[in-house]
Each structure stands twice: as structure tokens, then as C-alpha cells.
Amino acid sequence: MAKKLRNHDEVLLEQLQNAEMAKAYLEVVFEEYKQDGELAFFLEALRNVVEAQFGLG
């Protein structure tokens, strides 16, 4: 029987349901934003956390 593979987004959202993982993720993304100013990437990360934590999507 074949295992169902999950895509990156599914795994990421599952991991971001954990508050500590979400915090660490946002800390890293914020540091990257401060360095490169890539607002779209930063906002996507915020959206990922909101979707994982609150089920919005």
C-alpha cells in the first residue's frame, strides 16, 4: 500500500500549529525581513501562522 505524500505547505501548517514553532518561524522570518526588506515574504509567513493557528485560509 502506497503512503500518501504531503506537500510542503501541509507539513509547514501542521508544524506551525505548535506555538513555539510558530514563534521561532516568525523570529527567523522577521530577521530576514530586517536584512532584505522583502515584505511579501514576511506577510506570507504571517499568513501561514494565522492559518495554522486559527484555521483561516
N, C-alpha and C. Protein backbone atom coordinates (compact mmCIF):
# COMPACT_ATOMS: atom_id res chain seq x y z
N MET A 1 0.85 -1.18 0.00
CA MET A 1 0.00 0.00 0.00
C MET A 1 0.89 1.24 0.00
N ALA A 2 0.63 2.15 -0.89
CA ALA A 2 1.45 3.35 -1.03
C ALA A 2 1.09 4.38 0.04
N LYS A 3 2.11 5.06 0.55
CA LYS A 3 1.88 6.14 1.51
C LYS A 3 1.50 7.41 0.75
N LYS A 4 0.59 8.16 1.33
CA LYS A 4 0.22 9.44 0.73
C LYS A 4 1.29 10.46 1.13
N LEU A 5 1.86 11.08 0.11
CA LEU A 5 2.85 12.11 0.37
C LEU A 5 2.15 13.44 0.61
N ARG A 6 2.69 14.23 1.53
CA ARG A 6 2.13 15.55 1.81
C ARG A 6 3.04 16.60 1.19
N ASN A 7 2.45 17.69 0.77
CA ASN A 7 3.27 18.75 0.19
C ASN A 7 3.85 19.64 1.30
N HIS A 8 4.74 20.51 0.90
CA HIS A 8 5.44 21.39 1.84
C HIS A 8 4.47 22.22 2.67
N ASP A 9 3.46 22.79 2.04
CA ASP A 9 2.52 23.65 2.75
C ASP A 9 1.77 22.89 3.85
N GLU A 10 1.37 21.67 3.57
CA GLU A 10 0.67 20.86 4.57
C GLU A 10 1.55 20.61 5.78
N VAL A 11 2.79 20.27 5.55
CA VAL A 11 3.72 20.00 6.64
C VAL A 11 4.00 21.28 7.43
N LEU A 12 4.24 22.37 6.72
CA LEU A 12 4.51 23.65 7.38
C LEU A 12 3.35 24.06 8.27
N LEU A 13 2.13 24.00 7.75
CA LEU A 13 0.97 24.41 8.54
C LEU A 13 0.77 23.50 9.75
N GLU A 14 1.06 22.24 9.61
CA GLU A 14 0.98 21.33 10.75
C GLU A 14 2.00 21.73 11.83
N GLN A 15 3.22 22.01 11.42
CA GLN A 15 4.25 22.39 12.37
C GLN A 15 3.94 23.73 13.05
N LEU A 16 3.35 24.66 12.30
CA LEU A 16 3.06 25.99 12.84
C LEU A 16 1.87 25.99 13.79
N GLN A 17 1.20 24.89 13.95
CA GLN A 17 0.14 24.79 14.96
C GLN A 17 0.75 24.81 16.36
N ASN A 18 2.00 24.42 16.45
CA ASN A 18 2.74 24.47 17.72
C ASN A 18 3.19 25.91 17.95
N ALA A 19 2.81 26.49 19.07
CA ALA A 19 3.10 27.90 19.36
C ALA A 19 4.60 28.19 19.37
N GLU A 20 5.40 27.29 19.92
CA GLU A 20 6.85 27.52 19.97
C GLU A 20 7.46 27.48 18.57
N MET A 21 6.98 26.57 17.73
CA MET A 21 7.47 26.51 16.35
C MET A 21 7.07 27.77 15.59
N ALA A 22 5.84 28.22 15.80
CA ALA A 22 5.36 29.43 15.13
C ALA A 22 6.20 30.63 15.55
N LYS A 23 6.51 30.72 16.83
CA LYS A 23 7.33 31.82 17.34
C LYS A 23 8.71 31.81 16.70
N ALA A 24 9.35 30.64 16.68
CA ALA A 24 10.69 30.53 16.09
C ALA A 24 10.66 30.87 14.60
N TYR A 25 9.65 30.41 13.90
CA TYR A 25 9.48 30.69 12.47
C TYR A 25 9.38 32.18 12.23
N LEU A 26 8.54 32.86 13.01
CA LEU A 26 8.38 34.30 12.83
C LEU A 26 9.63 35.07 13.20
N GLU A 27 10.36 34.61 14.20
CA GLU A 27 11.62 35.27 14.57
C GLU A 27 12.61 35.22 13.41
N VAL A 28 12.74 34.07 12.78
CA VAL A 28 13.66 33.92 11.66
C VAL A 28 13.21 34.77 10.48
N VAL A 29 11.93 34.71 10.18
CA VAL A 29 11.40 35.48 9.05
C VAL A 29 11.56 36.98 9.29
N PHE A 30 11.34 37.42 10.52
CA PHE A 30 11.49 38.84 10.83
C PHE A 30 12.94 39.29 10.67
N GLU A 31 13.88 38.46 11.10
CA GLU A 31 15.31 38.79 10.94
C GLU A 31 15.66 38.90 9.45
N GLU A 32 15.14 37.99 8.65
CA GLU A 32 15.38 38.06 7.21
C GLU A 32 14.76 39.31 6.61
N TYR A 33 13.56 39.66 7.09
CA TYR A 33 12.90 40.88 6.60
C TYR A 33 13.73 42.12 6.94
N LYS A 34 14.28 42.16 8.14
CA LYS A 34 15.10 43.31 8.52
C LYS A 34 16.34 43.43 7.64
N GLN A 35 16.85 42.30 7.16
CA GLN A 35 18.04 42.32 6.32
C GLN A 35 17.73 42.66 4.87
N ASP A 36 16.67 42.07 4.33
CA ASP A 36 16.43 42.25 2.89
C ASP A 36 15.19 43.07 2.54
N GLY A 37 14.35 43.37 3.52
CA GLY A 37 13.17 44.19 3.29
C GLY A 37 12.11 43.56 2.40
N GLU A 38 12.12 42.24 2.28
CA GLU A 38 11.19 41.53 1.40
C GLU A 38 9.83 41.39 2.11
N LEU A 39 8.99 42.41 1.92
CA LEU A 39 7.70 42.47 2.62
C LEU A 39 6.78 41.33 2.22
N ALA A 40 6.73 40.96 0.97
CA ALA A 40 5.83 39.89 0.52
C ALA A 40 6.13 38.58 1.24
N PHE A 41 7.41 38.24 1.39
CA PHE A 41 7.79 37.02 2.08
C PHE A 41 7.38 37.08 3.55
N PHE A 42 7.59 38.22 4.18
CA PHE A 42 7.22 38.42 5.58
C PHE A 42 5.71 38.27 5.77
N LEU A 43 4.93 38.90 4.89
CA LEU A 43 3.48 38.82 5.00
C LEU A 43 2.97 37.40 4.75
N GLU A 44 3.61 36.69 3.85
CA GLU A 44 3.22 35.29 3.61
C GLU A 44 3.46 34.45 4.86
N ALA A 45 4.56 34.71 5.54
CA ALA A 45 4.86 33.98 6.77
C ALA A 45 3.81 34.27 7.84
N LEU A 46 3.42 35.53 7.97
CA LEU A 46 2.37 35.89 8.92
C LEU A 46 1.07 35.17 8.58
N ARG A 47 0.75 35.14 7.29
CA ARG A 47 -0.46 34.45 6.86
C ARG A 47 -0.40 32.97 7.20
N ASN A 48 0.75 32.35 7.00
CA ASN A 48 0.91 30.93 7.32
C ASN A 48 0.63 30.67 8.79
N VAL A 49 1.16 31.52 9.66
CA VAL A 49 0.95 31.33 11.10
C VAL A 49 -0.51 31.53 11.46
N VAL A 50 -1.14 32.55 10.93
CA VAL A 50 -2.55 32.79 11.20
C VAL A 50 -3.39 31.61 10.72
N GLU A 51 -3.10 31.12 9.53
CA GLU A 51 -3.85 29.98 9.01
C GLU A 51 -3.66 28.75 9.89
N ALA A 52 -2.46 28.49 10.31
CA ALA A 52 -2.18 27.31 11.14
C ALA A 52 -2.81 27.44 12.53
N GLN A 53 -2.72 28.62 13.11
CA GLN A 53 -3.20 28.81 14.48
C GLN A 53 -4.72 28.97 14.57
N PHE A 54 -5.32 29.59 13.56
CA PHE A 54 -6.72 29.95 13.65
C PHE A 54 -7.59 29.32 12.56
N GLY A 55 -6.97 28.54 11.69
CA GLY A 55 -7.72 27.82 10.67
C GLY A 55 -8.26 28.70 9.55
N LEU A 56 -7.69 29.86 9.37
CA LEU A 56 -8.11 30.73 8.29
C LEU A 56 -7.40 30.32 7.02
N GLY A 57 -8.05 30.48 5.92
CA GLY A 57 -7.36 30.10 4.71
C GLY A 57 -8.08 30.37 3.52
